[in-house]
Amino acid sequence: MCHQCRRTIATSTQRSQQQSATGSFADLLSSSRESNNPMARRNAPTQTAERTATSPPDFAPAPPPSELPRARDTFALARKAVRDTNASRIEQQNRQLAREAERGWSRKDLEQQAIRRWKPGDVYAPHDLSGVEMSKWKRIRRKPRPKYDVIDQLGLDPLKLYRNFSIMSEYISEMGRIKHSNETGLRPVNQRKMAKAIRRSMGMGLMPGVHRHPEILKKEMENRRPSY
């Protein structure tokens, strides 16, 4: 046998093997598609027959792995749950707005009208929530201004006390800030005079501006020191 005939026989054998392998692979793909898609089972014999009779089989893309459908189903379930939650929340808000529109007032409007600050344990009647009772709490909410204070009782002039650091220290904080009239209890006139005297004392250097007087601090430290 010549070399050319041997090559022809070997080539024809390889071609027949490749065609048989390709046909078996195509049959395997078609069977897997039929198992996944029941509608394709009815048309599968005719398609296979036509493919073998007319032309060699074409290579189809591999089917997606089994994890992809599961992931898609999980994502679809999560998206559906979020959609249902949002829909229920929006529906509840719309229902609340509709009720408020029917009655003409909202809960916020009532909370703004409730001047009284309720505490745990308070006993009240429905009459206490009326506007008449709330107006009473509105009138007594602000403390009445004092008609006289300690300066009036002692007959002192705050403007002449700027050299007395012991009295000035009672009306400033530990950081040298002038206290408010709610803390001092002075009348507006005496409060302004006392603040003016304190600023004058600080400007002259008789009072420190950022802390209490050293003599006052020394006395407090001596009182805190234990005696043996």
C-alpha atoms as a PDB file:
ATOM      1  CA  MET A   1       0.000   0.000   0.000  1.00  0.00           C
ATOM      2  CA  CYS A   2       1.340   3.350  -0.958  1.00  0.00           C
ATOM      3  CA  HIS A   3       1.796   6.285   1.368  1.00  0.00           C
ATOM      4  CA  GLN A   4      -0.989   8.335  -0.284  1.00  0.00           C
ATOM      5  CA  CYS A   5      -3.584   5.562   0.174  1.00  0.00           C
ATOM      6  CA  ARG A   6      -2.582   5.092   3.807  1.00  0.00           C
ATOM      7  CA  ARG A   7      -3.073   8.832   4.451  1.00  0.00           C
ATOM      8  CA  THR A   8      -6.504   8.771   2.763  1.00  0.00           C
ATOM      9  CA  ILE A   9      -7.689   5.827   4.876  1.00  0.00           C
ATOM     10  CA  ALA A  10      -6.453   7.440   8.113  1.00  0.00           C
ATOM     11  CA  THR A  11      -8.117  10.749   7.268  1.00  0.00           C
ATOM     12  CA  SER A  12     -11.460   9.132   6.470  1.00  0.00           C
ATOM     13  CA  THR A  13     -11.320   7.163   9.728  1.00  0.00           C
ATOM     14  CA  GLN A  14     -10.673  10.319  11.780  1.00  0.00           C
ATOM     15  CA  ARG A  15     -13.501  12.162  10.008  1.00  0.00           C
ATOM     16  CA  SER A  16     -15.969   9.385  10.711  1.00  0.00           C
ATOM     17  CA  GLN A  17     -14.951   9.318  14.380  1.00  0.00           C
ATOM     18  CA  GLN A  18     -15.344  13.109  14.673  1.00  0.00           C
ATOM     19  CA  GLN A  19     -18.766  13.007  13.016  1.00  0.00           C
ATOM     20  CA  SER A  20     -19.940  10.235  15.328  1.00  0.00           C
ATOM     21  CA  ALA A  21     -18.670  12.148  18.401  1.00  0.00           C
ATOM     22  CA  THR A  22     -20.351  15.328  17.213  1.00  0.00           C
ATOM     23  CA  GLY A  23     -23.625  13.530  16.633  1.00  0.00           C
ATOM     24  CA  SER A  24     -23.568  11.923  20.085  1.00  0.00           C
ATOM     25  CA  PHE A  25     -22.833  15.319  21.697  1.00  0.00           C
ATOM     26  CA  ALA A  26     -25.730  16.902  19.791  1.00  0.00           C
ATOM     27  CA  ASP A  27     -28.068  14.104  20.917  1.00  0.00           C
ATOM     28  CA  LEU A  28     -26.958  14.646  24.518  1.00  0.00           C
ATOM     29  CA  LEU A  29     -27.711  18.379  24.253  1.00  0.00           C
ATOM     30  CA  SER A  30     -31.116  17.763  22.768  1.00  0.00           C
ATOM     31  CA  SER A  31     -32.001  15.239  25.486  1.00  0.00           C
ATOM     32  CA  SER A  32     -30.961  17.693  28.217  1.00  0.00           C
ATOM     33  CA  ARG A  33     -33.082  20.435  26.600  1.00  0.00           C
ATOM     34  CA  GLU A  34     -36.041  18.093  26.421  1.00  0.00           C
ATOM     35  CA  SER A  35     -35.720  17.262  30.113  1.00  0.00           C
ATOM     36  CA  ASN A  36     -35.647  20.984  31.042  1.00  0.00           C
ATOM     37  CA  ASN A  37     -38.339  22.106  28.598  1.00  0.00           C
ATOM     38  CA  PRO A  38     -41.370  19.769  28.360  1.00  0.00           C
ATOM     39  CA  MET A  39     -42.756  21.655  25.345  1.00  0.00           C
ATOM     40  CA  ALA A  40     -39.683  20.790  23.320  1.00  0.00           C
ATOM     41  CA  ARG A  41     -40.175  17.043  23.814  1.00  0.00           C
ATOM     42  CA  ARG A  42     -42.934  16.928  21.213  1.00  0.00           C
ATOM     43  CA  ASN A  43     -40.818  18.539  18.480  1.00  0.00           C
ATOM     44  CA  ALA A  44     -37.549  16.860  19.427  1.00  0.00           C
ATOM     45  CA  PRO A  45     -37.784  13.764  17.069  1.00  0.00           C
ATOM     46  CA  THR A  46     -38.563  15.802  13.995  1.00  0.00           C
ATOM     47  CA  GLN A  47     -35.814  18.337  14.729  1.00  0.00           C
ATOM     48  CA  THR A  48     -33.244  15.583  15.244  1.00  0.00           C
ATOM     49  CA  ALA A  49     -34.288  13.838  12.061  1.00  0.00           C
ATOM     50  CA  GLU A  50     -34.153  17.005  10.018  1.00  0.00           C
ATOM     51  CA  ARG A  51     -30.739  17.905  11.460  1.00  0.00           C
ATOM     52  CA  THR A  52     -29.218  14.505  10.598  1.00  0.00           C
ATOM     53  CA  ALA A  53     -30.775  14.457   7.140  1.00  0.00           C
ATOM     54  CA  THR A  54     -29.985  17.930   5.912  1.00  0.00           C
ATOM     55  CA  SER A  55     -26.763  19.230   7.505  1.00  0.00           C
ATOM     56  CA  PRO A  56     -24.249  18.387  10.177  1.00  0.00           C
ATOM     57  CA  PRO A  57     -25.279  19.434  13.707  1.00  0.00           C
ATOM     58  CA  ASP A  58     -24.507  22.947  14.932  1.00  0.00           C
ATOM     59  CA  PHE A  59     -22.865  23.578  18.278  1.00  0.00           C
ATOM     60  CA  ALA A  60     -25.299  25.194  20.737  1.00  0.00           C
ATOM     61  CA  PRO A  61     -24.274  27.145  23.853  1.00  0.00           C
ATOM     62  CA  ALA A  62     -24.055  25.187  27.053  1.00  0.00           C
ATOM     63  CA  PRO A  63     -27.098  25.334  29.317  1.00  0.00           C
ATOM     64  CA  PRO A  64     -26.795  27.641  32.346  1.00  0.00           C
ATOM     65  CA  PRO A  65     -25.804  26.015  35.614  1.00  0.00           C
ATOM     66  CA  SER A  66     -28.419  25.037  38.149  1.00  0.00           C
ATOM     67  CA  GLU A  67     -27.392  27.809  40.583  1.00  0.00           C
ATOM     68  CA  LEU A  68     -28.617  30.617  38.311  1.00  0.00           C
ATOM     69  CA  PRO A  69     -32.349  29.710  38.450  1.00  0.00           C
ATOM     70  CA  ARG A  70     -32.138  29.394  42.229  1.00  0.00           C
ATOM     71  CA  ALA A  71     -30.449  32.804  42.535  1.00  0.00           C
ATOM     72  CA  ARG A  72     -33.044  34.349  40.255  1.00  0.00           C
ATOM     73  CA  ASP A  73     -35.875  32.840  42.284  1.00  0.00           C
ATOM     74  CA  THR A  74     -34.352  34.131  45.555  1.00  0.00           C
ATOM     75  CA  PHE A  75     -33.893  37.616  44.124  1.00  0.00           C
ATOM     76  CA  ALA A  76     -37.451  37.618  42.821  1.00  0.00           C
ATOM     77  CA  LEU A  77     -38.797  36.585  46.236  1.00  0.00           C
ATOM     78  CA  ALA A  78     -36.780  39.317  47.993  1.00  0.00           C
ATOM     79  CA  ARG A  79     -37.933  41.940  45.527  1.00  0.00           C
ATOM     80  CA  LYS A  80     -41.533  40.832  45.961  1.00  0.00           C
ATOM     81  CA  ALA A  81     -41.232  41.022  49.761  1.00  0.00           C
ATOM     82  CA  VAL A  82     -39.811  44.554  49.584  1.00  0.00           C
ATOM     83  CA  ARG A  83     -42.536  45.603  47.169  1.00  0.00           C
ATOM     84  CA  ASP A  84     -45.257  44.187  49.433  1.00  0.00           C
ATOM     85  CA  THR A  85     -43.782  45.940  52.490  1.00  0.00           C
ATOM     86  CA  ASN A  86     -43.587  49.293  50.741  1.00  0.00           C
ATOM     87  CA  ALA A  87     -47.072  48.882  49.370  1.00  0.00           C
ATOM     88  CA  SER A  88     -48.509  48.142  52.823  1.00  0.00           C
ATOM     89  CA  ARG A  89     -46.678  51.102  54.371  1.00  0.00           C
ATOM     90  CA  ILE A  90     -47.849  53.485  51.651  1.00  0.00           C
ATOM     91  CA  GLU A  91     -51.387  52.174  51.971  1.00  0.00           C
ATOM     92  CA  GLN A  92     -51.322  52.745  55.737  1.00  0.00           C
ATOM     93  CA  GLN A  93     -50.033  56.296  55.290  1.00  0.00           C
ATOM     94  CA  ASN A  94     -52.709  57.055  52.730  1.00  0.00           C
ATOM     95  CA  ARG A  95     -55.375  55.672  55.065  1.00  0.00           C
ATOM     96  CA  GLN A  96     -54.074  57.853  57.918  1.00  0.00           C
ATOM     97  CA  LEU A  97     -54.046  60.943  55.700  1.00  0.00           C
ATOM     98  CA  ALA A  98     -57.576  60.200  54.564  1.00  0.00           C
ATOM     99  CA  ARG A  99     -58.790  59.946  58.181  1.00  0.00           C
ATOM    100  CA  GLU A 100     -57.066  63.222  59.100  1.00  0.00           C
ATOM    101  CA  ALA A 101     -58.587  64.927  56.071  1.00  0.00           C
ATOM    102  CA  GLU A 102     -62.063  63.748  57.104  1.00  0.00           C
ATOM    103  CA  ARG A 103     -61.868  65.021  60.692  1.00  0.00           C
ATOM    104  CA  GLY A 104     -60.061  68.265  59.785  1.00  0.00           C
ATOM    105  CA  TRP A 105     -57.235  68.046  62.365  1.00  0.00           C
ATOM    106  CA  SER A 106     -54.216  65.869  62.987  1.00  0.00           C
ATOM    107  CA  ARG A 107     -52.378  64.568  66.034  1.00  0.00           C
ATOM    108  CA  LYS A 108     -49.655  67.167  65.596  1.00  0.00           C
ATOM    109  CA  ASP A 109     -52.211  69.954  65.892  1.00  0.00           C
ATOM    110  CA  LEU A 110     -53.418  68.588  69.218  1.00  0.00           C
ATOM    111  CA  GLU A 111     -49.878  68.150  70.560  1.00  0.00           C
ATOM    112  CA  GLN A 112     -49.116  71.782  69.829  1.00  0.00           C
ATOM    113  CA  GLN A 113     -52.240  72.851  71.729  1.00  0.00           C
ATOM    114  CA  ALA A 114     -51.341  70.723  74.776  1.00  0.00           C
ATOM    115  CA  ILE A 115     -49.468  73.270  76.867  1.00  0.00           C
ATOM    116  CA  ARG A 116     -49.402  71.201  80.049  1.00  0.00           C
ATOM    117  CA  ARG A 117     -46.411  68.910  80.383  1.00  0.00           C
ATOM    118  CA  TRP A 118     -47.725  65.594  81.615  1.00  0.00           C
ATOM    119  CA  LYS A 119     -45.678  63.408  83.939  1.00  0.00           C
ATOM    120  CA  PRO A 120     -45.932  59.660  84.572  1.00  0.00           C
ATOM    121  CA  GLY A 121     -48.622  58.989  87.164  1.00  0.00           C
ATOM    122  CA  ASP A 122     -50.730  62.100  86.538  1.00  0.00           C
ATOM    123  CA  VAL A 123     -54.482  61.513  86.784  1.00  0.00           C
ATOM    124  CA  TYR A 124     -56.664  63.538  84.462  1.00  0.00           C
ATOM    125  CA  ALA A 125     -60.216  63.732  83.204  1.00  0.00           C
ATOM    126  CA  PRO A 126     -61.384  64.497  79.666  1.00  0.00           C
ATOM    127  CA  HIS A 127     -62.239  68.009  80.856  1.00  0.00           C
ATOM    128  CA  ASP A 128     -58.538  68.602  81.618  1.00  0.00           C
ATOM    129  CA  LEU A 129     -57.755  68.257  77.907  1.00  0.00           C
ATOM    130  CA  SER A 130     -60.078  71.062  76.880  1.00  0.00           C
ATOM    131  CA  GLY A 131     -58.886  74.427  75.688  1.00  0.00           C
ATOM    132  CA  VAL A 132     -60.137  76.197  78.838  1.00  0.00           C
ATOM    133  CA  GLU A 133     -57.937  74.125  81.133  1.00  0.00           C
ATOM    134  CA  MET A 134     -54.964  74.385  78.778  1.00  0.00           C
ATOM    135  CA  SER A 135     -55.252  78.164  78.797  1.00  0.00           C
ATOM    136  CA  LYS A 136     -54.901  78.085  82.595  1.00  0.00           C
ATOM    137  CA  TRP A 137     -51.619  76.197  82.292  1.00  0.00           C
ATOM    138  CA  LYS A 138     -50.468  78.691  79.702  1.00  0.00           C
ATOM    139  CA  ARG A 139     -50.980  81.598  82.102  1.00  0.00           C
ATOM    140  CA  ILE A 140     -49.064  80.029  84.989  1.00  0.00           C
ATOM    141  CA  ARG A 141     -46.286  78.680  82.839  1.00  0.00           C
ATOM    142  CA  ARG A 142     -44.143  81.799  83.273  1.00  0.00           C
ATOM    143  CA  LYS A 143     -42.888  82.539  86.763  1.00  0.00           C
ATOM    144  CA  PRO A 144     -44.097  85.841  88.187  1.00  0.00           C
ATOM    145  CA  ARG A 145     -41.484  88.519  88.525  1.00  0.00           C
ATOM    146  CA  PRO A 146     -40.384  89.179  92.115  1.00  0.00           C
ATOM    147  CA  LYS A 147     -41.567  92.478  93.567  1.00  0.00           C
ATOM    148  CA  TYR A 148     -38.631  92.657  95.974  1.00  0.00           C
ATOM    149  CA  ASP A 149     -35.414  90.684  96.467  1.00  0.00           C
ATOM    150  CA  VAL A 150     -32.533  90.383  98.927  1.00  0.00           C
ATOM    151  CA  ILE A 151     -30.953  93.621  97.725  1.00  0.00           C
ATOM    152  CA  ASP A 152     -34.142  95.529  98.529  1.00  0.00           C
ATOM    153  CA  GLN A 153     -34.503  93.870 101.913  1.00  0.00           C
ATOM    154  CA  LEU A 154     -30.947  94.803 102.944  1.00  0.00           C
ATOM    155  CA  GLY A 155     -31.147  98.236 101.367  1.00  0.00           C
ATOM    156  CA  LEU A 156     -27.905  97.861  99.374  1.00  0.00           C
ATOM    157  CA  ASP A 157     -26.771  99.493  96.169  1.00  0.00           C
ATOM    158  CA  PRO A 158     -25.110  96.937  93.848  1.00  0.00           C
ATOM    159  CA  LEU A 159     -23.090  99.625  92.064  1.00  0.00           C
ATOM    160  CA  LYS A 160     -21.238 100.398  95.313  1.00  0.00           C
ATOM    161  CA  LEU A 161     -20.367  96.759  95.996  1.00  0.00           C
ATOM    162  CA  TYR A 162     -17.897  96.269  93.136  1.00  0.00           C
ATOM    163  CA  ARG A 163     -14.982  96.160  95.652  1.00  0.00           C
ATOM    164  CA  ASN A 164     -16.611  93.419  97.746  1.00  0.00           C
ATOM    165  CA  PHE A 165     -15.540  90.234  95.911  1.00  0.00           C
ATOM    166  CA  SER A 166     -17.321  87.971  98.408  1.00  0.00           C
ATOM    167  CA  ILE A 167     -20.728  89.348  97.353  1.00  0.00           C
ATOM    168  CA  MET A 168     -19.764  89.464  93.666  1.00  0.00           C
ATOM    169  CA  SER A 169     -18.748  85.782  93.760  1.00  0.00           C
ATOM    170  CA  GLU A 170     -22.287  84.770  94.724  1.00  0.00           C
ATOM    171  CA  TYR A 171     -23.638  86.037  91.407  1.00  0.00           C
ATOM    172  CA  ILE A 172     -21.063  84.524  89.026  1.00  0.00           C
ATOM    173  CA  SER A 173     -20.431  80.915  88.067  1.00  0.00           C
ATOM    174  CA  GLU A 174     -17.282  78.927  88.743  1.00  0.00           C
ATOM    175  CA  MET A 175     -15.969  79.968  85.312  1.00  0.00           C
ATOM    176  CA  GLY A 176     -16.580  83.683  85.909  1.00  0.00           C
ATOM    177  CA  ARG A 177     -19.876  83.986  84.031  1.00  0.00           C
ATOM    178  CA  ILE A 178     -22.685  86.185  85.364  1.00  0.00           C
ATOM    179  CA  LYS A 179     -25.662  84.095  86.457  1.00  0.00           C
ATOM    180  CA  HIS A 180     -29.120  84.562  84.993  1.00  0.00           C
ATOM    181  CA  SER A 181     -31.921  86.198  86.941  1.00  0.00           C
ATOM    182  CA  ASN A 182     -33.662  82.809  87.184  1.00  0.00           C
ATOM    183  CA  GLU A 183     -30.770  81.662  89.374  1.00  0.00           C
ATOM    184  CA  THR A 184     -30.112  84.852  91.323  1.00  0.00           C
ATOM    185  CA  GLY A 185     -33.764  85.723  91.985  1.00  0.00           C
ATOM    186  CA  LEU A 186     -33.136  89.454  91.622  1.00  0.00           C
ATOM    187  CA  ARG A 187     -35.491  91.973  90.144  1.00  0.00           C
ATOM    188  CA  PRO A 188     -34.642  93.176  86.617  1.00  0.00           C
ATOM    189  CA  VAL A 189     -33.353  96.522  87.917  1.00  0.00           C
ATOM    190  CA  ASN A 190     -31.116  94.994  90.583  1.00  0.00           C
ATOM    191  CA  GLN A 191     -29.997  92.277  88.146  1.00  0.00           C
ATOM    192  CA  ARG A 192     -28.743  94.905  85.703  1.00  0.00           C
ATOM    193  CA  LYS A 193     -27.006  96.852  88.478  1.00  0.00           C
ATOM    194  CA  MET A 194     -25.328  93.715  89.820  1.00  0.00           C
ATOM    195  CA  ALA A 195     -24.115  92.729  86.340  1.00  0.00           C
ATOM    196  CA  LYS A 196     -22.740  96.233  85.828  1.00  0.00           C
ATOM    197  CA  ALA A 197     -20.903  96.096  89.175  1.00  0.00           C
ATOM    198  CA  ILE A 198     -19.413  92.675  88.312  1.00  0.00           C
ATOM    199  CA  ARG A 199     -18.149  93.881  84.927  1.00  0.00           C
ATOM    200  CA  ARG A 200     -16.677  96.970  86.566  1.00  0.00           C
ATOM    201  CA  SER A 201     -14.874  94.840  89.160  1.00  0.00           C
ATOM    202  CA  MET A 202     -13.476  92.550  86.448  1.00  0.00           C
ATOM    203  CA  GLY A 203     -12.358  95.522  84.373  1.00  0.00           C
ATOM    204  CA  MET A 204     -10.454  97.002  87.318  1.00  0.00           C
ATOM    205  CA  GLY A 205      -8.751  93.688  88.033  1.00  0.00           C
ATOM    206  CA  LEU A 206     -10.413  93.131  91.397  1.00  0.00           C
ATOM    207  CA  MET A 207     -12.254  90.026  90.172  1.00  0.00           C
ATOM    208  CA  PRO A 208     -10.934  87.285  87.863  1.00  0.00           C
ATOM    209  CA  GLY A 209     -12.888  86.880  84.651  1.00  0.00           C
ATOM    210  CA  VAL A 210     -12.487  83.130  84.104  1.00  0.00           C
ATOM    211  CA  HIS A 211     -12.723  81.658  87.618  1.00  0.00           C
ATOM    212  CA  ARG A 212     -13.782  82.476  91.144  1.00  0.00           C
ATOM    213  CA  HIS A 213     -11.711  84.703  93.388  1.00  0.00           C
ATOM    214  CA  PRO A 214      -8.543  83.058  94.791  1.00  0.00           C
ATOM    215  CA  GLU A 215      -9.533  83.957  98.344  1.00  0.00           C
ATOM    216  CA  ILE A 216     -12.833  82.146  97.891  1.00  0.00           C
ATOM    217  CA  LEU A 217     -11.106  79.099  96.406  1.00  0.00           C
ATOM    218  CA  LYS A 218      -8.589  79.046  99.263  1.00  0.00           C
ATOM    219  CA  LYS A 219     -11.357  79.139 101.850  1.00  0.00           C
ATOM    220  CA  GLU A 220     -13.206  76.289 100.128  1.00  0.00           C
ATOM    221  CA  MET A 221     -10.058  74.141 100.014  1.00  0.00           C
ATOM    222  CA  GLU A 222      -9.479  74.727 103.725  1.00  0.00           C
ATOM    223  CA  ASN A 223     -13.022  73.666 104.480  1.00  0.00           C
ATOM    224  CA  ARG A 224     -12.638  70.491 102.414  1.00  0.00           C
ATOM    225  CA  ARG A 225      -9.335  69.563 104.059  1.00  0.00           C
ATOM    226  CA  PRO A 226      -9.906  66.998 106.834  1.00  0.00           C
ATOM    227  CA  SER A 227      -8.928  68.065 110.325  1.00  0.00           C
ATOM    228  CA  TYR A 228      -6.765  65.696 112.375  1.00  0.00           C
END
